[in-house]
């Protein structure tokens, strides 16, 4: 699984002109799923995400996790995170999992992330044409890949 985490002042996702989810301060997480992903990837990411210290403490130092800051999370599925640009100019998405694999994993990831956070998270709609708005705070943007844990 690949994720792009952005610390945001606010974020929302709109589908067909209607706001599906919106958050105030917290994290906007874009998630891409490939065929090799499974429960182990979900568990590792959920633990890592809720404990990631990217929120300012009283001294303005990034020392607090989302659990400590009381922030919210918005998760958006994004198969394009697995784009391959090795050949030519048109990205290939062959590594992205097909819906029969990715939908259940996306739903499980959202469920477990919500449980780890201790409150409901916002989501987009898998496979929909979504308009995502955000105000990146910092800016703080972190990329993680469960197949390349750096």
N, C-alpha and C. Protein backbone atom coordinates (compact mmCIF):
# COMPACT_ATOMS: atom_id res chain seq x y z
N UNK A 1 0.86 -1.17 0.00
CA UNK A 1 0.00 0.00 0.00
C UNK A 1 0.90 1.23 0.00
N UNK A 2 0.46 2.21 -0.73
CA UNK A 2 1.15 3.50 -0.76
C UNK A 2 0.19 4.54 -0.24
N UNK A 3 0.73 5.44 0.58
CA UNK A 3 -0.08 6.56 1.04
C UNK A 3 0.70 7.86 0.90
N UNK A 4 -0.04 8.91 0.66
CA UNK A 4 0.48 10.27 0.72
C UNK A 4 -0.33 10.93 1.82
N UNK A 5 0.37 11.39 2.85
CA UNK A 5 -0.28 12.02 4.00
C UNK A 5 0.03 13.50 3.96
N UNK A 6 -1.01 14.31 4.03
CA UNK A 6 -0.82 15.76 4.07
C UNK A 6 -1.46 16.31 5.33
N UNK A 7 -0.67 17.08 6.08
CA UNK A 7 -1.23 17.77 7.23
C UNK A 7 -2.03 18.93 6.69
N UNK A 8 -3.30 19.03 7.09
CA UNK A 8 -4.18 20.04 6.51
C UNK A 8 -4.87 20.88 7.58
N UNK A 9 -5.17 22.12 7.19
CA UNK A 9 -6.01 22.98 8.03
C UNK A 9 -7.48 22.63 7.81
N UNK A 10 -7.78 22.20 6.58
CA UNK A 10 -9.10 21.67 6.25
C UNK A 10 -9.01 20.92 4.93
N UNK A 11 -9.95 20.01 4.71
CA UNK A 11 -9.99 19.24 3.46
C UNK A 11 -11.41 18.74 3.26
N UNK A 12 -11.77 18.54 1.98
CA UNK A 12 -13.09 18.02 1.67
C UNK A 12 -13.05 17.25 0.36
N UNK A 13 -14.05 16.40 0.17
CA UNK A 13 -14.19 15.68 -1.08
C UNK A 13 -15.64 15.86 -1.55
N UNK A 14 -15.77 16.24 -2.82
CA UNK A 14 -17.07 16.49 -3.43
C UNK A 14 -17.27 15.53 -4.59
N UNK A 15 -18.46 14.93 -4.65
CA UNK A 15 -18.82 13.99 -5.71
C UNK A 15 -20.14 14.45 -6.31
N UNK A 16 -20.16 14.65 -7.63
CA UNK A 16 -21.36 15.11 -8.34
C UNK A 16 -21.95 16.38 -7.70
N UNK A 17 -21.08 17.30 -7.31
CA UNK A 17 -21.52 18.57 -6.77
C UNK A 17 -21.96 18.54 -5.31
N UNK A 18 -21.86 17.39 -4.64
CA UNK A 18 -22.27 17.26 -3.24
C UNK A 18 -21.07 16.90 -2.37
N UNK A 19 -20.91 17.60 -1.27
CA UNK A 19 -19.81 17.33 -0.36
C UNK A 19 -20.06 15.99 0.34
N UNK A 20 -19.19 15.03 0.10
CA UNK A 20 -19.31 13.70 0.72
C UNK A 20 -18.74 13.71 2.12
N UNK A 21 -17.56 14.34 2.30
CA UNK A 21 -16.89 14.41 3.59
C UNK A 21 -16.07 15.68 3.67
N UNK A 22 -15.95 16.20 4.88
CA UNK A 22 -15.11 17.37 5.12
C UNK A 22 -14.53 17.27 6.52
N UNK A 23 -13.28 17.74 6.67
CA UNK A 23 -12.64 17.77 7.98
C UNK A 23 -12.05 19.15 8.21
N UNK A 24 -11.82 19.43 9.48
CA UNK A 24 -11.08 20.63 9.83
C UNK A 24 -9.62 20.22 9.90
N UNK A 25 -8.89 20.59 10.91
CA UNK A 25 -7.48 20.25 10.99
C UNK A 25 -7.24 18.76 11.13
N UNK A 26 -6.18 18.29 10.52
CA UNK A 26 -5.85 16.87 10.62
C UNK A 26 -5.03 16.39 9.44
N UNK A 27 -5.43 15.21 8.91
CA UNK A 27 -4.70 14.59 7.81
C UNK A 27 -5.62 14.26 6.64
N UNK A 28 -5.15 14.58 5.45
CA UNK A 28 -5.75 14.07 4.23
C UNK A 28 -4.83 12.94 3.79
N UNK A 29 -5.39 11.74 3.61
CA UNK A 29 -4.59 10.58 3.22
C UNK A 29 -5.09 10.04 1.90
N UNK A 30 -4.19 10.03 0.91
CA UNK A 30 -4.46 9.39 -0.37
C UNK A 30 -3.87 8.00 -0.28
N UNK A 31 -4.64 6.97 -0.65
CA UNK A 31 -4.17 5.59 -0.52
C UNK A 31 -4.30 4.83 -1.84
N UNK A 32 -3.22 4.16 -2.22
CA UNK A 32 -3.19 3.32 -3.41
C UNK A 32 -2.91 1.88 -3.00
N UNK A 33 -3.62 0.95 -3.61
CA UNK A 33 -3.53 -0.46 -3.23
C UNK A 33 -3.07 -1.28 -4.44
N UNK A 34 -2.16 -2.24 -4.18
CA UNK A 34 -1.71 -3.14 -5.23
C UNK A 34 -2.07 -4.58 -4.85
N UNK A 35 -1.95 -5.49 -5.82
CA UNK A 35 -2.36 -6.88 -5.63
C UNK A 35 -1.69 -7.56 -4.44
N UNK A 36 -0.44 -7.23 -4.16
CA UNK A 36 0.31 -7.90 -3.10
C UNK A 36 -0.06 -7.41 -1.71
N UNK A 37 -0.91 -6.40 -1.59
CA UNK A 37 -1.25 -5.84 -0.28
C UNK A 37 -2.22 -6.73 0.48
N UNK A 38 -2.16 -6.64 1.80
CA UNK A 38 -3.03 -7.45 2.65
C UNK A 38 -3.14 -6.86 4.04
N UNK A 39 -3.60 -7.68 4.97
CA UNK A 39 -3.85 -7.25 6.34
C UNK A 39 -2.60 -6.71 7.03
N UNK A 40 -1.47 -7.32 6.76
CA UNK A 40 -0.22 -6.87 7.37
C UNK A 40 0.09 -5.41 6.99
N UNK A 41 -0.19 -5.06 5.74
CA UNK A 41 0.04 -3.69 5.27
C UNK A 41 -0.90 -2.71 5.98
N UNK A 42 -2.16 -3.11 6.12
CA UNK A 42 -3.15 -2.28 6.81
C UNK A 42 -2.73 -2.04 8.25
N UNK A 43 -2.36 -3.11 8.94
CA UNK A 43 -1.98 -3.00 10.36
C UNK A 43 -0.79 -2.07 10.54
N UNK A 44 0.25 -2.24 9.70
CA UNK A 44 1.44 -1.42 9.82
C UNK A 44 1.12 0.06 9.58
N UNK A 45 0.35 0.33 8.50
CA UNK A 45 0.02 1.72 8.17
C UNK A 45 -0.82 2.38 9.25
N UNK A 46 -1.84 1.70 9.73
CA UNK A 46 -2.72 2.30 10.74
C UNK A 46 -1.94 2.69 11.99
N UNK A 47 -1.08 1.79 12.45
CA UNK A 47 -0.27 2.07 13.63
C UNK A 47 0.67 3.25 13.37
N UNK A 48 1.30 3.25 12.21
CA UNK A 48 2.24 4.30 11.86
C UNK A 48 1.54 5.66 11.73
N UNK A 49 0.41 5.69 11.05
CA UNK A 49 -0.29 6.94 10.78
C UNK A 49 -0.75 7.62 12.06
N UNK A 50 -1.42 6.90 12.96
CA UNK A 50 -1.97 7.56 14.15
C UNK A 50 -0.89 7.98 15.14
N UNK A 51 0.33 7.42 15.00
CA UNK A 51 1.41 7.78 15.90
C UNK A 51 2.44 8.72 15.28
N UNK A 52 2.25 9.07 14.01
CA UNK A 52 3.16 9.96 13.30
C UNK A 52 3.14 11.35 13.94
N UNK A 53 4.28 11.80 14.40
CA UNK A 53 4.35 13.08 15.12
C UNK A 53 4.62 14.22 14.14
N UNK A 54 3.54 14.74 13.56
CA UNK A 54 3.66 15.82 12.57
C UNK A 54 2.84 17.06 12.95
N UNK A 55 2.32 17.08 14.18
CA UNK A 55 1.53 18.22 14.64
C UNK A 55 2.31 18.98 15.70
N UNK A 56 2.17 20.30 15.67
CA UNK A 56 2.96 21.16 16.56
C UNK A 56 2.55 21.02 18.02
N UNK A 57 3.56 21.05 18.89
CA UNK A 57 3.30 21.12 20.33
C UNK A 57 3.23 22.60 20.72
N UNK A 58 3.20 22.87 22.01
CA UNK A 58 3.09 24.25 22.50
C UNK A 58 4.30 25.11 22.15
N UNK A 59 5.41 24.49 21.75
CA UNK A 59 6.61 25.23 21.37
C UNK A 59 6.77 25.35 19.86
N UNK A 60 5.75 24.92 19.11
CA UNK A 60 5.82 25.01 17.66
C UNK A 60 6.68 23.93 17.01
N UNK A 61 6.96 22.87 17.75
CA UNK A 61 7.78 21.77 17.25
C UNK A 61 6.85 20.60 16.89
N UNK A 62 7.10 19.97 15.74
CA UNK A 62 6.28 18.83 15.34
C UNK A 62 6.59 17.67 16.27
N UNK A 63 5.76 17.54 17.31
CA UNK A 63 6.03 16.58 18.36
C UNK A 63 4.76 15.83 18.79
N UNK A 64 3.63 16.17 18.18
CA UNK A 64 2.36 15.55 18.56
C UNK A 64 1.83 14.68 17.43
N UNK A 65 1.18 13.59 17.80
CA UNK A 65 0.50 12.74 16.82
C UNK A 65 -0.93 13.24 16.66
N UNK A 66 -1.63 12.67 15.72
CA UNK A 66 -3.03 13.03 15.54
C UNK A 66 -3.86 12.62 16.75
N UNK A 67 -3.42 11.58 17.44
CA UNK A 67 -4.10 11.16 18.67
C UNK A 67 -3.98 12.24 19.75
N UNK A 68 -2.81 12.88 19.82
CA UNK A 68 -2.58 13.94 20.82
C UNK A 68 -3.18 15.27 20.42
N UNK A 69 -3.30 15.52 19.13
CA UNK A 69 -3.77 16.82 18.65
C UNK A 69 -5.28 16.90 18.52
N UNK A 70 -5.95 15.74 18.51
CA UNK A 70 -7.41 15.73 18.36
C UNK A 70 -7.87 15.97 16.94
N UNK A 71 -6.97 15.83 15.98
CA UNK A 71 -7.31 16.09 14.58
C UNK A 71 -8.22 15.03 13.96
N UNK A 72 -8.63 15.32 12.74
CA UNK A 72 -9.51 14.44 11.99
C UNK A 72 -8.75 13.87 10.80
N UNK A 73 -9.32 12.82 10.19
CA UNK A 73 -8.70 12.18 9.02
C UNK A 73 -9.72 12.04 7.91
N UNK A 74 -9.27 12.35 6.69
CA UNK A 74 -10.04 12.12 5.46
C UNK A 74 -9.21 11.21 4.57
N UNK A 75 -9.79 10.06 4.16
CA UNK A 75 -9.07 9.07 3.34
C UNK A 75 -9.72 9.00 1.96
N UNK A 76 -8.88 9.11 0.94
CA UNK A 76 -9.32 9.08 -0.46
C UNK A 76 -8.57 7.97 -1.19
N UNK A 77 -9.29 7.09 -1.87
CA UNK A 77 -8.63 6.06 -2.67
C UNK A 77 -8.04 6.70 -3.92
N UNK A 78 -6.83 6.27 -4.29
CA UNK A 78 -6.17 6.86 -5.45
C UNK A 78 -5.25 5.85 -6.11
N UNK A 79 -5.79 5.14 -7.10
CA UNK A 79 -5.00 4.12 -7.79
C UNK A 79 -3.81 4.70 -8.53
N UNK A 80 -3.85 5.98 -8.85
CA UNK A 80 -2.76 6.60 -9.61
C UNK A 80 -1.46 6.68 -8.81
N UNK A 81 -1.51 6.40 -7.51
CA UNK A 81 -0.27 6.36 -6.72
C UNK A 81 0.64 5.22 -7.16
N UNK A 82 0.08 4.25 -7.88
CA UNK A 82 0.88 3.14 -8.38
C UNK A 82 1.22 3.30 -9.87
N UNK A 83 1.21 4.53 -10.35
CA UNK A 83 1.54 4.79 -11.75
C UNK A 83 3.01 4.46 -12.02
N UNK A 84 3.23 3.84 -13.16
CA UNK A 84 4.58 3.59 -13.62
C UNK A 84 4.84 4.53 -14.80
N UNK A 85 5.92 5.29 -14.70
CA UNK A 85 6.25 6.25 -15.75
C UNK A 85 7.57 5.87 -16.43
N UNK A 86 7.94 4.61 -16.29
CA UNK A 86 9.22 4.13 -16.81
C UNK A 86 9.33 4.26 -18.32
N UNK A 87 8.27 3.89 -19.03
CA UNK A 87 8.30 3.91 -20.49
C UNK A 87 7.27 4.90 -21.03
N UNK A 88 7.68 5.68 -21.98
CA UNK A 88 6.76 6.60 -22.65
C UNK A 88 6.27 7.71 -21.75
N UNK A 89 5.22 8.39 -22.20
CA UNK A 89 4.68 9.53 -21.47
C UNK A 89 3.29 9.29 -20.90
N UNK A 90 2.73 8.13 -21.22
CA UNK A 90 1.42 7.79 -20.66
C UNK A 90 1.63 6.80 -19.51
N UNK A 91 1.29 7.20 -18.28
CA UNK A 91 1.51 6.30 -17.14
C UNK A 91 0.75 4.99 -17.28
N UNK A 92 1.37 3.94 -16.78
CA UNK A 92 0.73 2.63 -16.72
C UNK A 92 0.27 2.39 -15.29
N UNK A 93 -0.91 1.83 -15.13
CA UNK A 93 -1.45 1.56 -13.80
C UNK A 93 -1.57 0.07 -13.55
N UNK A 94 -0.76 -0.71 -14.20
CA UNK A 94 -0.82 -2.17 -14.14
C UNK A 94 -0.60 -2.69 -12.71
N UNK A 95 0.18 -1.97 -11.89
CA UNK A 95 0.45 -2.42 -10.52
C UNK A 95 -0.72 -2.16 -9.57
N UNK A 96 -1.63 -1.28 -9.93
CA UNK A 96 -2.77 -0.99 -9.07
C UNK A 96 -3.72 -2.19 -9.06
N UNK A 97 -4.20 -2.54 -7.88
CA UNK A 97 -5.10 -3.68 -7.76
C UNK A 97 -6.45 -3.40 -8.40
N UNK A 98 -7.06 -4.44 -8.93
CA UNK A 98 -8.39 -4.33 -9.51
C UNK A 98 -9.41 -4.16 -8.37
N UNK A 99 -10.59 -3.62 -8.67
CA UNK A 99 -11.59 -3.35 -7.63
C UNK A 99 -11.94 -4.54 -6.73
N UNK A 100 -11.99 -5.74 -7.28
CA UNK A 100 -12.36 -6.89 -6.44
C UNK A 100 -11.35 -7.14 -5.32
N UNK A 101 -10.12 -6.68 -5.50
CA UNK A 101 -9.10 -6.78 -4.45
C UNK A 101 -9.02 -5.48 -3.65
N UNK A 102 -9.01 -4.36 -4.34
CA UNK A 102 -8.76 -3.08 -3.67
C UNK A 102 -9.93 -2.56 -2.84
N UNK A 103 -11.16 -2.79 -3.29
CA UNK A 103 -12.31 -2.26 -2.52
C UNK A 103 -12.36 -2.84 -1.11
N UNK A 104 -12.31 -4.18 -0.95
CA UNK A 104 -12.34 -4.70 0.42
C UNK A 104 -11.16 -4.23 1.27
N UNK A 105 -9.97 -4.11 0.67
CA UNK A 105 -8.80 -3.65 1.42
C UNK A 105 -8.95 -2.18 1.80
N UNK A 106 -9.47 -1.36 0.89
CA UNK A 106 -9.70 0.05 1.19
C UNK A 106 -10.70 0.19 2.34
N UNK A 107 -11.79 -0.56 2.26
CA UNK A 107 -12.81 -0.49 3.31
C UNK A 107 -12.26 -0.95 4.66
N UNK A 108 -11.46 -2.01 4.65
CA UNK A 108 -10.85 -2.52 5.89
C UNK A 108 -9.85 -1.51 6.44
N UNK A 109 -9.06 -0.89 5.57
CA UNK A 109 -8.12 0.13 6.00
C UNK A 109 -8.86 1.29 6.68
N UNK A 110 -9.93 1.76 6.08
CA UNK A 110 -10.70 2.87 6.66
C UNK A 110 -11.30 2.48 8.00
N UNK A 111 -11.83 1.26 8.09
CA UNK A 111 -12.44 0.78 9.33
C UNK A 111 -11.40 0.71 10.44
N UNK A 112 -10.23 0.14 10.14
CA UNK A 112 -9.20 -0.01 11.16
C UNK A 112 -8.54 1.32 11.53
N UNK A 113 -8.41 2.22 10.56
CA UNK A 113 -7.86 3.54 10.86
C UNK A 113 -8.80 4.31 11.77
N UNK A 114 -10.09 4.21 11.51
CA UNK A 114 -11.09 4.85 12.36
C UNK A 114 -11.02 4.29 13.78
N UNK A 115 -10.88 2.99 13.89
CA UNK A 115 -10.77 2.35 15.20
C UNK A 115 -9.50 2.79 15.92
N UNK A 116 -8.39 2.86 15.20
CA UNK A 116 -7.12 3.30 15.79
C UNK A 116 -7.18 4.76 16.25
N UNK A 117 -7.91 5.58 15.50
CA UNK A 117 -8.06 7.00 15.84
C UNK A 117 -9.04 7.20 16.98
N UNK A 118 -9.98 6.28 17.11
CA UNK A 118 -10.98 6.38 18.17
C UNK A 118 -12.17 7.23 17.80
N UNK A 119 -12.33 7.52 16.51
CA UNK A 119 -13.49 8.26 16.03
C UNK A 119 -13.65 8.05 14.53
N UNK A 120 -14.80 8.40 14.02
CA UNK A 120 -15.10 8.23 12.60
C UNK A 120 -14.14 9.07 11.76
N UNK A 121 -13.80 8.52 10.60
CA UNK A 121 -13.00 9.28 9.64
C UNK A 121 -13.86 9.59 8.43
N UNK A 122 -13.46 10.58 7.68
CA UNK A 122 -14.15 10.91 6.43
C UNK A 122 -13.56 10.08 5.31
N UNK A 123 -14.38 9.80 4.30
CA UNK A 123 -13.91 9.04 3.15
C UNK A 123 -14.48 9.63 1.87
N UNK A 124 -13.86 9.24 0.79
CA UNK A 124 -14.40 9.52 -0.52
C UNK A 124 -15.28 8.35 -0.92
N UNK A 125 -15.41 8.14 -2.22
CA UNK A 125 -16.18 7.00 -2.72
C UNK A 125 -15.31 6.28 -3.74
N UNK A 126 -15.02 5.03 -3.47
CA UNK A 126 -14.11 4.27 -4.32
C UNK A 126 -14.58 4.29 -5.77
N UNK A 127 -13.69 4.66 -6.68
CA UNK A 127 -13.98 4.65 -8.11
C UNK A 127 -14.75 5.85 -8.64
N UNK A 128 -15.18 6.74 -7.76
CA UNK A 128 -15.95 7.92 -8.20
C UNK A 128 -15.01 9.00 -8.72
N UNK A 129 -15.57 9.90 -9.53
CA UNK A 129 -14.85 11.10 -9.96
C UNK A 129 -14.97 12.10 -8.82
N UNK A 130 -13.91 12.29 -8.08
CA UNK A 130 -13.95 13.11 -6.87
C UNK A 130 -13.18 14.41 -7.06
N UNK A 131 -13.68 15.44 -6.46
CA UNK A 131 -12.99 16.73 -6.41
C UNK A 131 -12.51 16.90 -4.97
N UNK A 132 -11.21 16.92 -4.79
CA UNK A 132 -10.63 17.00 -3.45
C UNK A 132 -10.03 18.39 -3.26
N UNK A 133 -10.45 19.04 -2.20
CA UNK A 133 -9.90 20.36 -1.85
C UNK A 133 -9.19 20.24 -0.51
N UNK A 134 -8.06 20.97 -0.38
CA UNK A 134 -7.33 20.95 0.87
C UNK A 134 -6.51 22.21 1.01
N UNK A 135 -6.21 22.52 2.24
CA UNK A 135 -5.25 23.57 2.55
C UNK A 135 -4.14 22.88 3.32
N UNK A 136 -3.02 22.62 2.63
CA UNK A 136 -1.88 21.94 3.24
C UNK A 136 -1.28 22.87 4.28
N UNK A 137 -1.10 22.36 5.48
CA UNK A 137 -0.61 23.14 6.61
C UNK A 137 0.86 22.85 6.81
N UNK A 138 1.71 23.83 6.52
CA UNK A 138 3.14 23.66 6.75
C UNK A 138 3.99 24.23 5.62
N UNK A 139 4.01 23.62 4.47
CA UNK A 139 3.35 22.37 4.09
C UNK A 139 4.06 21.16 4.69
N UNK A 140 3.24 20.17 5.06
CA UNK A 140 3.75 18.89 5.53
C UNK A 140 3.13 17.81 4.65
N UNK A 141 3.97 17.07 3.93
CA UNK A 141 3.53 15.98 3.07
C UNK A 141 4.50 14.82 3.25
N UNK A 142 3.95 13.64 3.56
CA UNK A 142 4.78 12.46 3.81
C UNK A 142 4.26 11.31 2.97
N UNK A 143 5.19 10.62 2.30
CA UNK A 143 4.85 9.45 1.48
C UNK A 143 5.35 8.20 2.20
N UNK A 144 4.51 7.17 2.21
CA UNK A 144 4.91 5.89 2.79
C UNK A 144 4.47 4.76 1.86
N UNK A 145 5.28 3.72 1.82
CA UNK A 145 4.99 2.55 1.01
C UNK A 145 5.31 1.32 1.87
N UNK A 146 4.31 0.46 2.06
CA UNK A 146 4.52 -0.70 2.92
C UNK A 146 5.49 -1.70 2.34
N UNK A 147 5.79 -1.59 1.06
CA UNK A 147 6.76 -2.48 0.42
C UNK A 147 8.17 -1.90 0.44
N UNK A 148 8.29 -0.66 0.92
CA UNK A 148 9.58 0.03 0.99
C UNK A 148 9.56 0.91 2.23
N UNK A 149 9.67 0.29 3.38
CA UNK A 149 9.53 0.98 4.67
C UNK A 149 10.81 1.74 5.00
N UNK A 150 10.82 3.01 4.68
CA UNK A 150 11.98 3.87 4.96
C UNK A 150 11.68 4.82 6.09
